[in-house]
C-alpha atoms as a PDB file:
ATOM      1  CA  MET A   1       3.112 -14.473  -8.876  1.00  0.00           C
ATOM      2  CA  THR A   2       3.031 -14.027  -5.106  1.00  0.00           C
ATOM      3  CA  GLN A   3       0.039 -15.376  -3.225  1.00  0.00           C
ATOM      4  CA  VAL A   4      -1.181 -13.543  -0.149  1.00  0.00           C
ATOM      5  CA  GLN A   5      -1.159 -16.035   2.706  1.00  0.00           C
ATOM      6  CA  PRO A   6      -3.524 -15.697   5.675  1.00  0.00           C
ATOM      7  CA  VAL A   7      -1.652 -14.209   8.616  1.00  0.00           C
ATOM      8  CA  PRO A   8      -1.748 -16.343  11.794  1.00  0.00           C
ATOM      9  CA  VAL A   9      -3.905 -14.458  14.257  1.00  0.00           C
ATOM     10  CA  SER A  10      -5.608 -15.078  17.589  1.00  0.00           C
ATOM     11  CA  ALA A  11      -9.141 -14.262  18.622  1.00  0.00           C
ATOM     12  CA  VAL A  12      -9.972 -10.797  19.886  1.00  0.00           C
ATOM     13  CA  PRO A  13     -12.444 -10.763  22.785  1.00  0.00           C
ATOM     14  CA  ARG A  14     -15.527  -8.649  22.310  1.00  0.00           C
ATOM     15  CA  ARG A  15     -16.508  -6.174  25.000  1.00  0.00           C
ATOM     16  CA  GLU A  16     -19.823  -6.339  26.790  1.00  0.00           C
ATOM     17  CA  PRO A  17     -22.502  -4.129  25.204  1.00  0.00           C
ATOM     18  CA  HIS A  18     -22.916  -0.818  26.984  1.00  0.00           C
ATOM     19  CA  GLU A  19     -25.404   2.008  26.968  1.00  0.00           C
ATOM     20  CA  VAL A  20     -24.857   4.743  24.422  1.00  0.00           C
ATOM     21  CA  SER A  21     -24.984   8.316  25.669  1.00  0.00           C
ATOM     22  CA  PRO A  22     -28.007  10.399  24.682  1.00  0.00           C
ATOM     23  CA  ARG A  23     -27.670  11.921  21.247  1.00  0.00           C
ATOM     24  CA  GLU A  24     -25.747  15.140  21.159  1.00  0.00           C
ATOM     25  CA  PRO A  25     -26.864  18.173  19.135  1.00  0.00           C
ATOM     26  CA  ILE A  26     -25.480  18.059  15.598  1.00  0.00           C
ATOM     27  CA  ALA A  27     -23.231  20.996  14.710  1.00  0.00           C
ATOM     28  CA  TRP A  28     -23.195  22.523  11.228  1.00  0.00           C
ATOM     29  CA  HIS A  29     -19.669  21.310  10.499  1.00  0.00           C
ATOM     30  CA  ALA A  30     -20.763  17.690  10.995  1.00  0.00           C
ATOM     31  CA  TYR A  31     -22.894  17.997   7.853  1.00  0.00           C
ATOM     32  CA  ALA A  32     -19.943  19.472   5.966  1.00  0.00           C
ATOM     33  CA  VAL A  33     -17.530  16.680   6.936  1.00  0.00           C
ATOM     34  CA  LEU A  34     -19.766  13.656   7.525  1.00  0.00           C
ATOM     35  CA  PHE A  35     -22.640  14.523   5.123  1.00  0.00           C
ATOM     36  CA  ALA A  36     -25.046  12.197   6.986  1.00  0.00           C
ATOM     37  CA  PRO A  37     -24.325  12.670  10.709  1.00  0.00           C
ATOM     38  CA  GLU A  38     -27.669  11.203  11.771  1.00  0.00           C
ATOM     39  CA  ARG A  39     -26.703   7.909  10.114  1.00  0.00           C
ATOM     40  CA  ILE A  40     -23.279   8.116  11.753  1.00  0.00           C
ATOM     41  CA  LEU A  41     -25.018   8.352  15.130  1.00  0.00           C
ATOM     42  CA  ASP A  42     -27.146   5.325  14.222  1.00  0.00           C
ATOM     43  CA  GLY A  43     -23.941   3.468  13.380  1.00  0.00           C
ATOM     44  CA  LEU A  44     -22.305   4.461  16.659  1.00  0.00           C
ATOM     45  CA  GLU A  45     -25.335   3.206  18.589  1.00  0.00           C
ATOM     46  CA  ARG A  46     -25.106  -0.102  16.739  1.00  0.00           C
ATOM     47  CA  VAL A  47     -21.394  -0.382  17.504  1.00  0.00           C
ATOM     48  CA  GLY A  48     -22.103   0.381  21.158  1.00  0.00           C
ATOM     49  CA  ALA A  49     -24.773  -2.301  21.311  1.00  0.00           C
ATOM     50  CA  ALA A  50     -22.347  -4.802  19.753  1.00  0.00           C
ATOM     51  CA  GLY A  51     -19.684  -3.945  22.337  1.00  0.00           C
ATOM     52  CA  LEU A  52     -16.855  -3.546  19.839  1.00  0.00           C
ATOM     53  CA  VAL A  53     -15.046  -0.926  21.932  1.00  0.00           C
ATOM     54  CA  GLU A  54     -15.046   0.224  25.531  1.00  0.00           C
ATOM     55  CA  ARG A  55     -15.546   3.921  24.762  1.00  0.00           C
ATOM     56  CA  LEU A  56     -17.339   5.399  21.784  1.00  0.00           C
ATOM     57  CA  PRO A  57     -16.104   8.591  20.126  1.00  0.00           C
ATOM     58  CA  ASN A  58     -18.424  11.541  19.713  1.00  0.00           C
ATOM     59  CA  LEU A  59     -19.332  13.132  16.375  1.00  0.00           C
ATOM     60  CA  TRP A  60     -16.499  15.676  16.471  1.00  0.00           C
ATOM     61  CA  GLN A  61     -13.981  12.896  17.069  1.00  0.00           C
ATOM     62  CA  ILE A  62     -15.437  10.965  14.117  1.00  0.00           C
ATOM     63  CA  GLU A  63     -15.021  14.136  12.034  1.00  0.00           C
ATOM     64  CA  LEU A  64     -11.326  14.180  12.939  1.00  0.00           C
ATOM     65  CA  GLY A  65     -11.083  10.541  11.906  1.00  0.00           C
ATOM     66  CA  VAL A  66     -12.706  11.309   8.556  1.00  0.00           C
ATOM     67  CA  LEU A  67     -10.323  14.221   7.994  1.00  0.00           C
ATOM     68  CA  ARG A  68      -7.459  11.823   8.677  1.00  0.00           C
ATOM     69  CA  MET A  69      -8.861   9.507   6.001  1.00  0.00           C
ATOM     70  CA  TRP A  70      -9.104  12.388   3.512  1.00  0.00           C
ATOM     71  CA  HIS A  71      -5.451  13.117   4.247  1.00  0.00           C
ATOM     72  CA  ARG A  72      -4.702   9.464   3.477  1.00  0.00           C
ATOM     73  CA  VAL A  73      -6.459   9.699   0.095  1.00  0.00           C
ATOM     74  CA  LEU A  74      -4.622  12.882  -0.838  1.00  0.00           C
ATOM     75  CA  PHE A  75      -1.145  12.081   0.457  1.00  0.00           C
ATOM     76  CA  ARG A  76      -1.021   8.268   0.727  1.00  0.00           C
ATOM     77  CA  PRO A  77      -3.078   7.119  -2.278  1.00  0.00           C
ATOM     78  CA  ASP A  78      -0.789   4.129  -2.816  1.00  0.00           C
ATOM     79  CA  SER A  79      -2.302   2.580   0.356  1.00  0.00           C
ATOM     80  CA  ILE A  80      -5.773   2.307  -1.267  1.00  0.00           C
ATOM     81  CA  GLY A  81      -6.841  -0.061  -4.034  1.00  0.00           C
ATOM     82  CA  THR A  82      -3.362  -1.383  -4.813  1.00  0.00           C
ATOM     83  CA  SER A  83      -1.435  -4.517  -3.892  1.00  0.00           C
ATOM     84  CA  ARG A  84       2.145  -4.915  -2.744  1.00  0.00           C
ATOM     85  CA  SER A  85       2.228  -8.686  -3.089  1.00  0.00           C
ATOM     86  CA  SER A  86      -0.329  -9.942  -5.647  1.00  0.00           C
ATOM     87  CA  ALA A  87      -0.082  -9.979  -9.417  1.00  0.00           C
ATOM     88  CA  VAL A  88      -2.630  -8.331 -11.693  1.00  0.00           C
ATOM     89  CA  ARG A  89      -5.048 -10.862 -13.174  1.00  0.00           C
ATOM     90  CA  PRO A  90      -4.469 -11.879 -16.793  1.00  0.00           C
ATOM     91  CA  GLY A  91      -6.711 -10.410 -19.467  1.00  0.00           C
ATOM     92  CA  TRP A  92      -7.287  -6.966 -20.901  1.00  0.00           C
ATOM     93  CA  ARG A  93     -10.088  -6.019 -18.528  1.00  0.00           C
ATOM     94  CA  ALA A  94      -8.156  -6.461 -15.282  1.00  0.00           C
ATOM     95  CA  ARG A  95      -5.079  -4.790 -16.800  1.00  0.00           C
ATOM     96  CA  LEU A  96      -7.210  -1.815 -17.823  1.00  0.00           C
ATOM     97  CA  LEU A  97      -8.923  -1.585 -14.414  1.00  0.00           C
ATOM     98  CA  HIS A  98      -5.508  -1.610 -12.761  1.00  0.00           C
ATOM     99  CA  TYR A  99      -5.599   2.146 -13.404  1.00  0.00           C
ATOM    100  CA  ARG A 100      -7.663   3.422 -10.490  1.00  0.00           C
ATOM    101  CA  LEU A 101      -9.156   6.401 -12.286  1.00  0.00           C
ATOM    102  CA  LEU A 102     -10.630   4.023 -14.868  1.00  0.00           C
ATOM    103  CA  ARG A 103     -11.856   1.739 -12.087  1.00  0.00           C
ATOM    104  CA  PHE A 104     -13.688   4.495 -10.184  1.00  0.00           C
ATOM    105  CA  PRO A 105     -16.917   4.780 -12.263  1.00  0.00           C
ATOM    106  CA  PHE A 106     -17.390   0.994 -12.239  1.00  0.00           C
ATOM    107  CA  LEU A 107     -16.894   0.861  -8.466  1.00  0.00           C
ATOM    108  CA  MET A 108     -19.534   3.577  -8.122  1.00  0.00           C
ATOM    109  CA  LYS A 109     -21.953   1.705 -10.375  1.00  0.00           C
ATOM    110  CA  GLU A 110     -21.466  -1.460  -8.313  1.00  0.00           C
ATOM    111  CA  ARG A 111     -21.975   0.527  -5.072  1.00  0.00           C
ATOM    112  CA  ALA A 112     -18.631  -0.917  -4.027  1.00  0.00           C
ATOM    113  CA  ILE A 113     -17.422   2.409  -2.677  1.00  0.00           C
ATOM    114  CA  ALA A 114     -19.127   5.224  -0.767  1.00  0.00           C
ATOM    115  CA  PRO A 115     -17.049   8.370  -1.363  1.00  0.00           C
ATOM    116  CA  PHE A 116     -18.957  10.400   1.220  1.00  0.00           C
ATOM    117  CA  ASP A 117     -18.803   7.787   3.985  1.00  0.00           C
ATOM    118  CA  PHE A 118     -15.136   7.495   4.851  1.00  0.00           C
ATOM    119  CA  SER A 119     -15.744   5.866   8.241  1.00  0.00           C
ATOM    120  CA  GLY A 120     -18.227   3.249   7.005  1.00  0.00           C
ATOM    121  CA  LEU A 121     -20.592   4.054   9.871  1.00  0.00           C
ATOM    122  CA  ALA A 122     -23.235   5.503   7.559  1.00  0.00           C
ATOM    123  CA  SER A 123     -23.220   2.567   5.123  1.00  0.00           C
ATOM    124  CA  SER A 124     -25.843  -0.162   5.086  1.00  0.00           C
ATOM    125  CA  PRO A 125     -24.684  -3.764   5.575  1.00  0.00           C
ATOM    126  CA  SER A 126     -25.492  -4.471   1.927  1.00  0.00           C
ATOM    127  CA  ARG A 127     -23.223  -1.612   0.885  1.00  0.00           C
ATOM    128  CA  ILE A 128     -20.422  -2.971   3.093  1.00  0.00           C
ATOM    129  CA  VAL A 129     -20.796  -6.430   1.534  1.00  0.00           C
ATOM    130  CA  SER A 130     -20.707  -4.905  -1.963  1.00  0.00           C
ATOM    131  CA  HIS A 131     -17.571  -3.020  -0.926  1.00  0.00           C
ATOM    132  CA  LEU A 132     -15.868  -6.222   0.197  1.00  0.00           C
ATOM    133  CA  LEU A 133     -16.797  -8.078  -2.997  1.00  0.00           C
ATOM    134  CA  GLY A 134     -15.932  -5.365  -5.497  1.00  0.00           C
ATOM    135  CA  ALA A 135     -13.247  -3.062  -4.055  1.00  0.00           C
ATOM    136  CA  HIS A 136      -9.722  -4.341  -3.601  1.00  0.00           C
ATOM    137  CA  HIS A 137      -8.385  -4.664  -0.031  1.00  0.00           C
ATOM    138  CA  ASP A 138      -4.706  -5.438   0.296  1.00  0.00           C
ATOM    139  CA  GLU A 139      -3.526  -8.118   2.719  1.00  0.00           C
ATOM    140  CA  ASN A 140      -5.205  -7.545   6.125  1.00  0.00           C
ATOM    141  CA  GLN A 141      -7.257  -4.513   5.101  1.00  0.00           C
ATOM    142  CA  PHE A 142     -10.297  -6.807   5.099  1.00  0.00           C
ATOM    143  CA  VAL A 143     -10.404  -6.555   8.888  1.00  0.00           C
ATOM    144  CA  TYR A 144     -11.782  -2.998   8.978  1.00  0.00           C
ATOM    145  CA  ASP A 145     -14.948  -3.941   7.089  1.00  0.00           C
ATOM    146  CA  LEU A 146     -15.314  -7.354   8.715  1.00  0.00           C
ATOM    147  CA  GLU A 147     -15.290  -5.770  12.181  1.00  0.00           C
ATOM    148  CA  LEU A 148     -17.801  -3.189  10.985  1.00  0.00           C
ATOM    149  CA  LEU A 149     -20.004  -5.885   9.418  1.00  0.00           C
ATOM    150  CA  SER A 150     -19.926  -7.983  12.598  1.00  0.00           C
ATOM    151  CA  ALA A 151     -22.302  -5.470  14.226  1.00  0.00           C
ATOM    152  CA  TYR A 152     -25.035  -6.754  11.872  1.00  0.00           C
ATOM    153  CA  PRO A 153     -26.196 -10.280  12.798  1.00  0.00           C
ATOM    154  CA  GLY A 154     -25.995 -12.758   9.916  1.00  0.00           C
ATOM    155  CA  ARG A 155     -24.161 -10.468   7.511  1.00  0.00           C
ATOM    156  CA  LEU A 156     -20.764 -12.134   7.821  1.00  0.00           C
ATOM    157  CA  GLU A 157     -22.403 -15.421   6.815  1.00  0.00           C
ATOM    158  CA  GLN A 158     -24.064 -13.706   3.871  1.00  0.00           C
ATOM    159  CA  ALA A 159     -20.763 -12.193   2.744  1.00  0.00           C
ATOM    160  CA  ARG A 160     -19.022 -15.565   2.992  1.00  0.00           C
ATOM    161  CA  GLY A 161     -21.684 -17.193   0.814  1.00  0.00           C
ATOM    162  CA  LEU A 162     -21.416 -14.486  -1.837  1.00  0.00           C
ATOM    163  CA  ALA A 163     -17.605 -14.536  -1.822  1.00  0.00           C
ATOM    164  CA  ARG A 164     -17.594 -18.330  -2.148  1.00  0.00           C
ATOM    165  CA  HIS A 165     -19.900 -18.049  -5.137  1.00  0.00           C
ATOM    166  CA  VAL A 166     -17.455 -15.697  -6.856  1.00  0.00           C
ATOM    167  CA  VAL A 167     -14.639 -18.186  -6.218  1.00  0.00           C
ATOM    168  CA  GLU A 168     -16.532 -21.328  -7.222  1.00  0.00           C
ATOM    169  CA  ALA A 169     -18.785 -20.134 -10.047  1.00  0.00           C
ATOM    170  CA  ASP A 170     -17.702 -19.367 -13.587  1.00  0.00           C
ATOM    171  CA  THR A 171     -20.316 -16.852 -14.685  1.00  0.00           C
ATOM    172  CA  PRO A 172     -20.093 -13.452 -16.369  1.00  0.00           C
ATOM    173  CA  ARG A 173     -20.866 -11.848 -13.001  1.00  0.00           C
ATOM    174  CA  SER A 174     -18.182 -13.717 -11.062  1.00  0.00           C
ATOM    175  CA  ARG A 175     -15.607 -13.091 -13.786  1.00  0.00           C
ATOM    176  CA  TRP A 176     -16.486  -9.382 -13.712  1.00  0.00           C
ATOM    177  CA  LEU A 177     -16.041  -9.133  -9.945  1.00  0.00           C
ATOM    178  CA  ARG A 178     -12.710 -10.945 -10.135  1.00  0.00           C
ATOM    179  CA  ASP A 179     -11.503  -8.473 -12.766  1.00  0.00           C
ATOM    180  CA  LEU A 180     -12.930  -5.476 -10.901  1.00  0.00           C
ATOM    181  CA  VAL A 181     -10.725  -6.169  -7.866  1.00  0.00           C
ATOM    182  CA  VAL A 182      -7.831  -6.498 -10.361  1.00  0.00           C
ATOM    183  CA  TYR A 183      -5.492  -8.724  -8.362  1.00  0.00           C
ATOM    184  CA  GLU A 184      -5.087 -12.498  -8.258  1.00  0.00           C
ATOM    185  CA  ARG A 185      -6.706 -14.589  -5.485  1.00  0.00           C
ATOM    186  CA  TYR A 186      -8.514 -11.636  -3.936  1.00  0.00           C
ATOM    187  CA  HIS A 187     -11.788 -13.473  -3.340  1.00  0.00           C
ATOM    188  CA  GLU A 188     -10.029 -16.613  -2.105  1.00  0.00           C
ATOM    189  CA  ASN A 189      -8.307 -14.476   0.517  1.00  0.00           C
ATOM    190  CA  LEU A 190     -11.607 -12.790   1.352  1.00  0.00           C
ATOM    191  CA  VAL A 191     -13.261 -16.173   1.957  1.00  0.00           C
ATOM    192  CA  ALA A 192     -10.397 -17.156   4.291  1.00  0.00           C
ATOM    193  CA  ALA A 193     -10.743 -13.856   6.190  1.00  0.00           C
ATOM    194  CA  LEU A 194     -14.506 -14.344   6.517  1.00  0.00           C
ATOM    195  CA  GLU A 195     -13.999 -17.872   7.829  1.00  0.00           C
ATOM    196  CA  ARG A 196     -11.738 -16.518  10.555  1.00  0.00           C
ATOM    197  CA  ALA A 197     -14.166 -13.697  11.342  1.00  0.00           C
ATOM    198  CA  LEU A 198     -17.017 -16.161  11.782  1.00  0.00           C
ATOM    199  CA  GLU A 199     -14.892 -17.905  14.392  1.00  0.00           C
ATOM    200  CA  GLY A 200     -14.545 -14.592  16.221  1.00  0.00           C
ATOM    201  CA  ASP A 201     -11.026 -13.948  14.953  1.00  0.00           C
ATOM    202  CA  PHE A 202     -10.556 -10.321  13.923  1.00  0.00           C
ATOM    203  CA  SER A 203      -7.075  -9.873  15.309  1.00  0.00           C
ATOM    204  CA  LEU A 204      -3.992  -8.586  13.544  1.00  0.00           C
ATOM    205  CA  PRO A 205      -0.199  -8.807  13.857  1.00  0.00           C
ATOM    206  CA  PRO A 206       1.174  -6.454  16.519  1.00  0.00           C
ATOM    207  CA  ASP A 207       2.442  -3.934  13.968  1.00  0.00           C
ATOM    208  CA  GLU A 208      -1.070  -3.576  12.485  1.00  0.00           C
ATOM    209  CA  ALA A 209      -3.379  -4.003  15.489  1.00  0.00           C
ATOM    210  CA  ASP A 210      -3.447  -0.269  16.306  1.00  0.00           C
ATOM    211  CA  ASN A 211      -3.513   0.934  12.700  1.00  0.00           C
ATOM    212  CA  PRO A 212      -6.724   2.902  11.965  1.00  0.00           C
ATOM    213  CA  ASP A 213      -6.240   2.196   8.251  1.00  0.00           C
ATOM    214  CA  ILE A 214      -6.596  -1.535   8.845  1.00  0.00           C
ATOM    215  CA  SER A 215      -8.792  -2.045  11.918  1.00  0.00           C
ATOM    216  CA  PHE A 216     -12.209  -0.477  12.501  1.00  0.00           C
ATOM    217  CA  VAL A 217     -11.764  -1.018  16.244  1.00  0.00           C
ATOM    218  CA  ALA A 218      -8.409   0.799  16.059  1.00  0.00           C
ATOM    219  CA  TYR A 219     -10.098   3.588  14.098  1.00  0.00           C
ATOM    220  CA  LEU A 220     -12.759   4.030  16.806  1.00  0.00           C
ATOM    221  CA  ARG A 221     -10.099   4.028  19.512  1.00  0.00           C
ATOM    222  CA  TRP A 222      -8.040   6.572  17.570  1.00  0.00           C
ATOM    223  CA  CYS A 223     -11.084   8.814  17.269  1.00  0.00           C
ATOM    224  CA  ALA A 224     -11.989   8.441  20.955  1.00  0.00           C
ATOM    225  CA  ALA A 225      -8.430   9.473  21.908  1.00  0.00           C
ATOM    226  CA  GLN A 226      -8.778  12.826  20.128  1.00  0.00           C
ATOM    227  CA  SER A 227      -9.925  16.092  21.698  1.00  0.00           C
ATOM    228  CA  ALA A 228     -13.675  16.141  22.251  1.00  0.00           C
ATOM    229  CA  THR A 229     -14.525  19.614  20.923  1.00  0.00           C
ATOM    230  CA  PRO A 230     -13.423  21.935  18.097  1.00  0.00           C
ATOM    231  CA  ASP A 231     -12.132  24.453  20.633  1.00  0.00           C
ATOM    232  CA  GLU A 232      -9.871  21.863  22.260  1.00  0.00           C
ATOM    233  CA  THR A 233      -8.578  20.741  18.865  1.00  0.00           C
ATOM    234  CA  TRP A 234      -7.858  24.336  17.830  1.00  0.00           C
ATOM    235  CA  ALA A 235      -5.933  24.954  21.042  1.00  0.00           C
ATOM    236  CA  LEU A 236      -3.884  21.784  20.562  1.00  0.00           C
ATOM    237  CA  TRP A 237      -3.161  22.658  16.920  1.00  0.00           C
ATOM    238  CA  ARG A 238      -1.927  26.117  17.925  1.00  0.00           C
ATOM    239  CA  ALA A 239       0.291  24.491  20.544  1.00  0.00           C
ATOM    240  CA  GLY A 240       1.762  22.136  17.920  1.00  0.00           C
ATOM    241  CA  ARG A 241       0.174  19.081  19.501  1.00  0.00           C
ATOM    242  CA  TYR A 242      -2.292  18.141  16.743  1.00  0.00           C
ATOM    243  CA  THR A 243      -1.989  17.315  13.040  1.00  0.00           C
ATOM    244  CA  VAL A 244      -4.629  15.981  10.657  1.00  0.00           C
ATOM    245  CA  ALA A 245      -2.489  12.964   9.743  1.00  0.00           C
ATOM    246  CA  ASP A 246      -1.510  11.872  13.257  1.00  0.00           C
ATOM    247  CA  GLY A 247      -4.092  13.393  15.597  1.00  0.00           C
ATOM    248  CA  VAL A 248      -3.279  14.488  19.126  1.00  0.00           C
ATOM    249  CA  LYS A 249       0.359  13.904  19.959  1.00  0.00           C
ATOM    250  CA  GLY A 250       0.740  11.629  22.947  1.00  0.00           C
ATOM    251  CA  ALA A 251      -2.941  10.595  22.855  1.00  0.00           C
ATOM    252  CA  ARG A 252      -2.045   6.929  22.937  1.00  0.00           C
END
């Protein structure tokens, strides 16, 4: 069995809070892609107030980010809910839940996933905490949700307390959550990640720092680097300078 070791990281400075631009009109396609664009705008305002990034994306840019995440689900499913380095927990329940299709209804019942909120911006802090406790995150994938949760005062502390309880208690509930995430030492690694986050340490190794799959801050920056309107995106796509998977070529 291979144990996931915390990766040595250094603190990432937070930006000063800045004013959020007045709310833009919501286009019809935002409802089709984001489902709850008003809540996305609330989330962007909260992120702006927390100063997580220098420049916030607009709704269209968030739509492009969500489409990128759909592409990930369809064409890179092995990057979600699996582990490259941890063993499956012993026992029939964890071995059965190792099959993601069987895991899905239980994750929904636990509110550990939000299938229509791919960015996380529309989710409540309680939903984000449930996601961290019940849905497997491989290696440094914790960082995305920890950065997102840091915009809510006191919620990182709450998540740490709940994760510690899963690790330290031997109850039917804690055993269920350990089996639901399938892999060994998941909650121990989550506690370690939360400890670092509470010290202001959300950073990642250089090869992961700009990965929108792993970092919420990187996701927001990726979105903000995309074209700002559907017309611009269409023109770039026709010119061969935009793909759903990679965004605008040369945007970085």
